[in-house]
C-alpha cells in the first residue's frame, strides 16, 4: 500500500457528547429540569390523568347502561318464549 492511499481512508468520528457536562446537564447525561418546568409538567400530567379518568368513568357508565338494557331484553325474550 502506498502512502497516498492511506490518506484517503475516512475514519469514523467518535461521539464524545456523553462525556461533556455543561451547566444544563447532570452527571447522568440528562438535562437538568428547572422547578418551573417540573411544575408545568406535573400540571400537564395531572390534567391528562383527570381527562383519562373522566373518559373511563363515562365509558363504564355507558357499558353499565348497555348491559342493563341487554339484560332486560334477554329476560323479555325468555318470558315471551314461554
PDB file of N, CA and C in Angstrom:
ATOM      1  N   UNK A   1       0.836  -1.180   0.000  1.00  0.00           N
ATOM      2  CA  UNK A   1       0.000   0.000   0.000  1.00  0.00           C
ATOM      3  C   UNK A   1       0.876   1.237   0.000  1.00  0.00           C
ATOM      4  N   UNK A   2       0.546   2.216  -0.811  1.00  0.00           N
ATOM      5  CA  UNK A   2       1.378   3.421  -0.822  1.00  0.00           C
ATOM      6  C   UNK A   2       0.827   4.457   0.150  1.00  0.00           C
ATOM      7  N   UNK A   3       1.572   5.463   0.454  1.00  0.00           N
ATOM      8  CA  UNK A   3       1.218   6.476   1.444  1.00  0.00           C
ATOM      9  C   UNK A   3       0.010   7.287   1.007  1.00  0.00           C
ATOM     10  N   UNK A   4      -0.154   7.457  -0.296  1.00  0.00           N
ATOM     11  CA  UNK A   4      -1.266   8.247  -0.795  1.00  0.00           C
ATOM     12  C   UNK A   4      -2.613   7.554  -0.534  1.00  0.00           C
ATOM     13  N   UNK A   5      -2.682   6.249  -0.619  1.00  0.00           N
ATOM     14  CA  UNK A   5      -3.906   5.503  -0.383  1.00  0.00           C
ATOM     15  C   UNK A   5      -4.316   5.573   1.079  1.00  0.00           C
ATOM     16  N   UNK A   6      -3.376   5.638   1.976  1.00  0.00           N
ATOM     17  CA  UNK A   6      -3.688   5.709   3.398  1.00  0.00           C
ATOM     18  C   UNK A   6      -4.341   7.025   3.769  1.00  0.00           C
ATOM     19  N   UNK A   7      -4.027   8.107   3.107  1.00  0.00           N
ATOM     20  CA  UNK A   7      -4.609   9.401   3.441  1.00  0.00           C
ATOM     21  C   UNK A   7      -6.057   9.502   2.984  1.00  0.00           C
ATOM     22  N   UNK A   8      -6.488   8.650   2.053  1.00  0.00           N
ATOM     23  CA  UNK A   8      -7.858   8.692   1.564  1.00  0.00           C
ATOM     24  C   UNK A   8      -8.830   7.938   2.475  1.00  0.00           C
ATOM     25  N   UNK A   9      -8.357   7.226   3.478  1.00  0.00           N
ATOM     26  CA  UNK A   9      -9.211   6.456   4.368  1.00  0.00           C
ATOM     27  C   UNK A   9      -9.945   7.410   5.303  1.00  0.00           C
ATOM     28  N   UNK A  10     -11.250   7.264   5.355  1.00  0.00           N
ATOM     29  CA  UNK A  10     -12.062   8.102   6.232  1.00  0.00           C
ATOM     30  C   UNK A  10     -12.323   7.328   7.511  1.00  0.00           C
ATOM     31  N   UNK A  11     -11.919   7.884   8.611  1.00  0.00           N
ATOM     32  CA  UNK A  11     -12.123   7.232   9.912  1.00  0.00           C
ATOM     33  C   UNK A  11     -13.383   7.810  10.562  1.00  0.00           C
ATOM     34  N   UNK A  12     -14.168   6.969  11.256  1.00  0.00           N
ATOM     35  CA  UNK A  12     -15.382   7.468  11.914  1.00  0.00           C
ATOM     36  C   UNK A  12     -15.033   8.430  13.049  1.00  0.00           C
ATOM     37  N   UNK A  13     -15.874   9.407  13.215  1.00  0.00           N
ATOM     38  CA  UNK A  13     -15.685  10.381  14.286  1.00  0.00           C
ATOM     39  C   UNK A  13     -16.274   9.799  15.555  1.00  0.00           C
ATOM     40  N   UNK A  14     -15.517   9.863  16.638  1.00  0.00           N
ATOM     41  CA  UNK A  14     -16.002   9.345  17.914  1.00  0.00           C
ATOM     42  C   UNK A  14     -16.970  10.333  18.528  1.00  0.00           C
ATOM     43  N   UNK A  15     -18.030   9.803  19.130  1.00  0.00           N
ATOM     44  CA  UNK A  15     -19.039  10.635  19.767  1.00  0.00           C
ATOM     45  C   UNK A  15     -18.676  10.800  21.230  1.00  0.00           C
ATOM     46  N   UNK A  16     -18.211  11.974  21.594  1.00  0.00           N
ATOM     47  CA  UNK A  16     -17.830  12.258  22.979  1.00  0.00           C
ATOM     48  C   UNK A  16     -18.881  13.098  23.683  1.00  0.00           C
ATOM     49  N   UNK A  17     -20.104  13.148  23.125  1.00  0.00           N
ATOM     50  CA  UNK A  17     -21.128  14.012  23.705  1.00  0.00           C
ATOM     51  C   UNK A  17     -21.531  13.559  25.108  1.00  0.00           C
ATOM     52  N   UNK A  18     -21.416  12.264  25.409  1.00  0.00           N
ATOM     53  CA  UNK A  18     -21.789  11.795  26.745  1.00  0.00           C
ATOM     54  C   UNK A  18     -20.768  12.222  27.796  1.00  0.00           C
ATOM     55  N   UNK A  19     -19.568  12.570  27.350  1.00  0.00           N
ATOM     56  CA  UNK A  19     -18.539  12.986  28.289  1.00  0.00           C
ATOM     57  C   UNK A  19     -18.665  14.465  28.650  1.00  0.00           C
ATOM     58  N   UNK A  20     -19.364  15.240  27.813  1.00  0.00           N
ATOM     59  CA  UNK A  20     -19.498  16.662  28.060  1.00  0.00           C
ATOM     60  C   UNK A  20     -20.511  16.887  29.166  1.00  0.00           C
ATOM     61  N   UNK A  21     -20.143  17.734  30.093  1.00  0.00           N
ATOM     62  CA  UNK A  21     -21.086  18.116  31.137  1.00  0.00           C
ATOM     63  C   UNK A  21     -21.076  19.625  31.218  1.00  0.00           C
ATOM     64  N   UNK A  22     -22.204  20.180  30.884  1.00  0.00           N
ATOM     65  CA  UNK A  22     -22.344  21.628  30.939  1.00  0.00           C
ATOM     66  C   UNK A  22     -23.251  21.998  32.085  1.00  0.00           C
ATOM     67  N   UNK A  23     -23.590  23.254  32.208  1.00  0.00           N
ATOM     68  CA  UNK A  23     -24.462  23.675  33.307  1.00  0.00           C
ATOM     69  C   UNK A  23     -25.872  23.124  33.175  1.00  0.00           C
ATOM     70  N   UNK A  24     -26.271  22.669  31.954  1.00  0.00           N
ATOM     71  CA  UNK A  24     -27.606  22.157  31.764  1.00  0.00           C
ATOM     72  C   UNK A  24     -27.678  20.642  31.879  1.00  0.00           C
ATOM     73  N   UNK A  25     -26.567  19.987  32.186  1.00  0.00           N
ATOM     74  CA  UNK A  25     -26.584  18.535  32.294  1.00  0.00           C
ATOM     75  C   UNK A  25     -26.068  18.105  33.657  1.00  0.00           C
ATOM     76  N   UNK A  26     -26.641  17.023  34.162  1.00  0.00           N
ATOM     77  CA  UNK A  26     -26.155  16.474  35.418  1.00  0.00           C
ATOM     78  C   UNK A  26     -25.201  15.335  35.105  1.00  0.00           C
ATOM     79  N   UNK A  27     -24.828  14.591  36.099  1.00  0.00           N
ATOM     80  CA  UNK A  27     -23.847  13.528  35.909  1.00  0.00           C
ATOM     81  C   UNK A  27     -24.371  12.366  35.078  1.00  0.00           C
ATOM     82  N   UNK A  28     -25.683  12.184  34.988  1.00  0.00           N
ATOM     83  CA  UNK A  28     -26.248  11.085  34.218  1.00  0.00           C
ATOM     84  C   UNK A  28     -26.396  11.399  32.743  1.00  0.00           C
ATOM     85  N   UNK A  29     -26.000  12.565  32.305  1.00  0.00           N
ATOM     86  CA  UNK A  29     -26.111  12.924  30.913  1.00  0.00           C
ATOM     87  C   UNK A  29     -27.489  13.447  30.539  1.00  0.00           C
ATOM     88  N   UNK A  30     -28.380  13.567  31.508  1.00  0.00           N
ATOM     89  CA  UNK A  30     -29.724  14.087  31.247  1.00  0.00           C
ATOM     90  C   UNK A  30     -29.746  15.577  31.553  1.00  0.00           C
ATOM     91  N   UNK A  31     -30.555  16.342  30.833  1.00  0.00           N
ATOM     92  CA  UNK A  31     -30.630  17.771  31.121  1.00  0.00           C
ATOM     93  C   UNK A  31     -31.300  18.017  32.468  1.00  0.00           C
ATOM     94  N   UNK A  32     -30.818  19.024  33.171  1.00  0.00           N
ATOM     95  CA  UNK A  32     -31.427  19.399  34.445  1.00  0.00           C
ATOM     96  C   UNK A  32     -32.752  20.075  34.164  1.00  0.00           C
ATOM     97  N   UNK A  33     -33.758  19.762  34.955  1.00  0.00           N
ATOM     98  CA  UNK A  33     -35.049  20.415  34.815  1.00  0.00           C
ATOM     99  C   UNK A  33     -35.170  21.491  35.877  1.00  0.00           C
ATOM    100  N   UNK A  34     -35.627  22.616  35.466  1.00  0.00           N
ATOM    101  CA  UNK A  34     -35.840  23.703  36.419  1.00  0.00           C
ATOM    102  C   UNK A  34     -37.172  23.473  37.123  1.00  0.00           C
ATOM    103  N   UNK A  35     -37.334  24.086  38.298  1.00  0.00           N
ATOM    104  CA  UNK A  35     -38.524  23.860  39.107  1.00  0.00           C
ATOM    105  C   UNK A  35     -39.793  24.242  38.346  1.00  0.00           C
ATOM    106  N   UNK A  36     -39.759  25.320  37.594  1.00  0.00           N
ATOM    107  CA  UNK A  36     -40.932  25.743  36.820  1.00  0.00           C
ATOM    108  C   UNK A  36     -41.316  24.719  35.768  1.00  0.00           C
ATOM    109  N   UNK A  37     -40.315  24.137  35.113  1.00  0.00           N
ATOM    110  CA  UNK A  37     -40.581  23.108  34.107  1.00  0.00           C
ATOM    111  C   UNK A  37     -41.217  21.877  34.752  1.00  0.00           C
ATOM    112  N   UNK A  38     -40.690  21.504  35.914  1.00  0.00           N
ATOM    113  CA  UNK A  38     -41.221  20.336  36.626  1.00  0.00           C
ATOM    114  C   UNK A  38     -42.670  20.578  37.022  1.00  0.00           C
ATOM    115  N   UNK A  39     -42.977  21.768  37.533  1.00  0.00           N
ATOM    116  CA  UNK A  39     -44.346  22.072  37.944  1.00  0.00           C
ATOM    117  C   UNK A  39     -45.300  22.090  36.752  1.00  0.00           C
ATOM    118  N   UNK A  40     -44.856  22.649  35.623  1.00  0.00           N
ATOM    119  CA  UNK A  40     -45.693  22.661  34.419  1.00  0.00           C
ATOM    120  C   UNK A  40     -45.935  21.231  33.924  1.00  0.00           C
ATOM    121  N   UNK A  41     -44.896  20.414  33.963  1.00  0.00           N
ATOM    122  CA  UNK A  41     -45.038  19.025  33.530  1.00  0.00           C
ATOM    123  C   UNK A  41     -45.991  18.269  34.441  1.00  0.00           C
ATOM    124  N   UNK A  42     -45.861  18.462  35.742  1.00  0.00           N
ATOM    125  CA  UNK A  42     -46.763  17.799  36.694  1.00  0.00           C
ATOM    126  C   UNK A  42     -48.203  18.257  36.494  1.00  0.00           C
ATOM    127  N   UNK A  43     -48.403  19.545  36.229  1.00  0.00           N
ATOM    128  CA  UNK A  43     -49.753  20.058  35.985  1.00  0.00           C
ATOM    129  C   UNK A  43     -50.345  19.418  34.730  1.00  0.00           C
ATOM    130  N   UNK A  44     -49.528  19.271  33.700  1.00  0.00           N
ATOM    131  CA  UNK A  44     -49.995  18.644  32.464  1.00  0.00           C
ATOM    132  C   UNK A  44     -50.351  17.185  32.700  1.00  0.00           C
ATOM    133  N   UNK A  45     -49.507  16.472  33.430  1.00  0.00           N
ATOM    134  CA  UNK A  45     -49.773  15.060  33.729  1.00  0.00           C
ATOM    135  C   UNK A  45     -51.048  14.930  34.553  1.00  0.00           C
ATOM    136  N   UNK A  46     -51.228  15.818  35.529  1.00  0.00           N
ATOM    137  CA  UNK A  46     -52.428  15.776  36.364  1.00  0.00           C
ATOM    138  C   UNK A  46     -53.679  16.047  35.526  1.00  0.00           C
ATOM    139  N   UNK A  47     -53.609  17.040  34.637  1.00  0.00           N
ATOM    140  CA  UNK A  47     -54.753  17.374  33.776  1.00  0.00           C
ATOM    141  C   UNK A  47     -55.080  16.205  32.843  1.00  0.00           C
ATOM    142  N   UNK A  48     -54.055  15.611  32.252  1.00  0.00           N
ATOM    143  CA  UNK A  48     -54.269  14.466  31.357  1.00  0.00           C
ATOM    144  C   UNK A  48     -54.834  13.274  32.113  1.00  0.00           C
ATOM    145  N   UNK A  49     -54.326  13.034  33.313  1.00  0.00           N
ATOM    146  CA  UNK A  49     -54.826  11.921  34.130  1.00  0.00           C
ATOM    147  C   UNK A  49     -56.293  12.124  34.481  1.00  0.00           C
ATOM    148  N   UNK A  50     -56.665  13.358  34.798  1.00  0.00           N
ATOM    149  CA  UNK A  50     -58.067  13.670  35.106  1.00  0.00           C
ATOM    150  C   UNK A  50     -58.953  13.428  33.891  1.00  0.00           C
ATOM    151  N   UNK A  51     -58.487  13.843  32.719  1.00  0.00           N
ATOM    152  CA  UNK A  51     -59.262  13.638  31.492  1.00  0.00           C
ATOM    153  C   UNK A  51     -59.430  12.147  31.197  1.00  0.00           C
ATOM    154  N   UNK A  52     -58.380  11.380  31.404  1.00  0.00           N
ATOM    155  CA  UNK A  52     -58.450   9.933  31.179  1.00  0.00           C
ATOM    156  C   UNK A  52     -59.416   9.290  32.168  1.00  0.00           C
ATOM    157  N   UNK A  53     -59.360   9.704  33.425  1.00  0.00           N
ATOM    158  CA  UNK A  53     -60.257   9.154  34.436  1.00  0.00           C
ATOM    159  C   UNK A  53     -61.712   9.457  34.092  1.00  0.00           C
ATOM    160  N   UNK A  54     -61.987  10.683  33.640  1.00  0.00           N
ATOM    161  CA  UNK A  54     -63.353  11.042  33.263  1.00  0.00           C
ATOM    162  C   UNK A  54     -63.808  10.234  32.052  1.00  0.00           C
ATOM    163  N   UNK A  55     -62.906  10.006  31.129  1.00  0.00           N
ATOM    164  CA  UNK A  55     -63.240   9.225  29.940  1.00  0.00           C
ATOM    165  C   UNK A  55     -63.583   7.787  30.316  1.00  0.00           C
ATOM    166  N   UNK A  56     -62.783   7.196  31.181  1.00  0.00           N
ATOM    167  CA  UNK A  56     -63.069   5.832  31.628  1.00  0.00           C
ATOM    168  C   UNK A  56     -64.361   5.780  32.417  1.00  0.00           C
ATOM    169  N   UNK A  57     -64.602   6.779  33.252  1.00  0.00           N
ATOM    170  CA  UNK A  57     -65.830   6.814  34.029  1.00  0.00           C
ATOM    171  C   UNK A  57     -67.048   6.864  33.108  1.00  0.00           C
ATOM    172  N   UNK A  58     -66.966   7.708  32.082  1.00  0.00           N
ATOM    173  CA  UNK A  58     -68.051   7.801  31.105  1.00  0.00           C
ATOM    174  C   UNK A  58     -68.232   6.479  30.362  1.00  0.00           C
ATOM    175  N   UNK A  59     -67.137   5.849  30.007  1.00  0.00           N
ATOM    176  CA  UNK A  59     -67.200   4.565  29.315  1.00  0.00           C
ATOM    177  C   UNK A  59     -67.894   3.512  30.171  1.00  0.00           C
ATOM    178  N   UNK A  60     -67.527   3.448  31.455  1.00  0.00           N
ATOM    179  CA  UNK A  60     -68.126   2.436  32.334  1.00  0.00           C
ATOM    180  C   UNK A  60     -69.611   2.704  32.587  1.00  0.00           C
ATOM    181  N   UNK A  61     -69.999   3.964  32.656  1.00  0.00           N
ATOM    182  CA  UNK A  61     -71.422   4.285  32.806  1.00  0.00           C
ATOM    183  C   UNK A  61     -72.188   3.817  31.580  1.00  0.00           C
ATOM    184  N   UNK A  62     -71.602   4.065  30.420  1.00  0.00           N
ATOM    185  CA  UNK A  62     -72.234   3.635  29.168  1.00  0.00           C
ATOM    186  C   UNK A  62     -72.329   2.112  29.100  1.00  0.00           C
ATOM    187  N   UNK A  63     -71.272   1.417  29.475  1.00  0.00           N
ATOM    188  CA  UNK A  63     -71.289  -0.048  29.475  1.00  0.00           C
ATOM    189  C   UNK A  63     -72.324  -0.595  30.452  1.00  0.00           C
ATOM    190  N   UNK A  64     -72.399   0.002  31.631  1.00  0.00           N
ATOM    191  CA  UNK A  64     -73.369  -0.453  32.633  1.00  0.00           C
ATOM    192  C   UNK A  64     -74.795  -0.291  32.100  1.00  0.00           C
ATOM    193  N   UNK A  65     -75.056   0.856  31.464  1.00  0.00           N
ATOM    194  CA  UNK A  65     -76.385   1.106  30.909  1.00  0.00           C
ATOM    195  C   UNK A  65     -76.712   0.110  29.796  1.00  0.00           C
ATOM    196  N   UNK A  66     -75.748  -0.127  28.918  1.00  0.00           N
ATOM    197  CA  UNK A  66     -75.960  -1.058  27.810  1.00  0.00           C
ATOM    198  C   UNK A  66     -76.184  -2.477  28.321  1.00  0.00           C
ATOM    199  N   UNK A  67     -75.392  -2.895  29.297  1.00  0.00           N
ATOM    200  CA  UNK A  67     -75.576  -4.239  29.865  1.00  0.00           C
ATOM    201  C   UNK A  67     -76.931  -4.373  30.545  1.00  0.00           C
ATOM    202  N   UNK A  68     -77.375  -3.318  31.176  1.00  0.00           N
ATOM    203  CA  UNK A  68     -78.686  -3.346  31.815  1.00  0.00           C
ATOM    204  C   UNK A  68     -79.785  -3.511  30.771  1.00  0.00           C
ATOM    205  N   UNK A  69     -79.677  -2.797  29.655  1.00  0.00           N
ATOM    206  CA  UNK A  69     -80.666  -2.923  28.581  1.00  0.00           C
ATOM    207  C   UNK A  69     -80.654  -4.333  27.986  1.00  0.00           C
ATOM    208  N   UNK A  70     -79.463  -4.869  27.778  1.00  0.00           N
ATOM    209  CA  UNK A  70     -79.350  -6.223  27.218  1.00  0.00           C
ATOM    210  C   UNK A  70     -79.967  -7.236  28.166  1.00  0.00           C
ATOM    211  N   UNK A  71     -79.735  -7.060  29.459  1.00  0.00           N
ATOM    212  CA  UNK A  71     -80.296  -7.986  30.436  1.00  0.00           C
ATOM    213  C   UNK A  71     -81.821  -7.943  30.415  1.00  0.00           C
ATOM    214  N   UNK A  72     -82.374  -6.738  30.344  1.00  0.00           N
ATOM    215  CA  UNK A  72     -83.831  -6.602  30.288  1.00  0.00           C
ATOM    216  C   UNK A  72     -84.377  -7.239  29.012  1.00  0.00           C
ATOM    217  N   UNK A  73     -83.733  -6.986  27.883  1.00  0.00           N
ATOM    218  CA  UNK A  73     -84.183  -7.574  26.621  1.00  0.00           C
ATOM    219  C   UNK A  73     -84.065  -9.099  26.652  1.00  0.00           C
ATOM    220  N   UNK A  74     -83.022  -9.597  27.280  1.00  0.00           N
ATOM    221  CA  UNK A  74     -82.832 -11.047  27.390  1.00  0.00           C
ATOM    222  C   UNK A  74     -83.950 -11.670  28.219  1.00  0.00           C
ATOM    223  N   UNK A  75     -84.278 -11.047  29.352  1.00  0.00           N
ATOM    224  CA  UNK A  75     -85.349 -11.573  30.190  1.00  0.00           C
ATOM    225  C   UNK A  75     -86.689 -11.500  29.480  1.00  0.00           C
ATOM    226  N   UNK A  76     -86.941 -10.403  28.744  1.00  0.00           N
ATOM    227  CA  UNK A  76     -88.184 -10.302  27.994  1.00  0.00           C
ATOM    228  C   UNK A  76     -88.264 -11.390  26.931  1.00  0.00           C
ATOM    229  N   UNK A  77     -87.157 -11.669  26.276  1.00  0.00           N
ATOM    230  CA  UNK A  77     -87.120 -12.708  25.257  1.00  0.00           C
ATOM    231  C   UNK A  77     -87.422 -14.075  25.863  1.00  0.00           C
ATOM    232  N   UNK A  78     -86.862 -14.347  27.024  1.00  0.00           N
ATOM    233  CA  UNK A  78     -87.105 -15.636  27.687  1.00  0.00           C
ATOM    234  C   UNK A  78     -88.553 -15.740  28.129  1.00  0.00           C
ATOM    235  N   UNK A  79     -89.132 -14.666  28.688  1.00  0.00           N
ATOM    236  CA  UNK A  79     -90.522 -14.701  29.143  1.00  0.00           C
ATOM    237  C   UNK A  79     -91.499 -14.803  27.977  1.00  0.00           C
ATOM    238  N   UNK A  80     -91.166 -14.191  26.837  1.00  0.00           N
ATOM    239  CA  UNK A  80     -92.034 -14.236  25.681  1.00  0.00           C
ATOM    240  C   UNK A  80     -92.068 -15.640  25.092  1.00  0.00           C
ATOM    241  N   UNK A  81     -90.967 -16.330  25.115  1.00  0.00           N
ATOM    242  CA  UNK A  81     -90.889 -17.673  24.560  1.00  0.00           C
ATOM    243  C   UNK A  81     -91.690 -18.683  25.385  1.00  0.00           C
ATOM    244  N   UNK A  82     -91.932 -18.423  26.630  1.00  0.00           N
ATOM    245  CA  UNK A  82     -92.648 -19.388  27.478  1.00  0.00           C
ATOM    246  C   UNK A  82     -94.089 -19.402  27.197  1.00  0.00           C
TER     247      UNK A  82
END
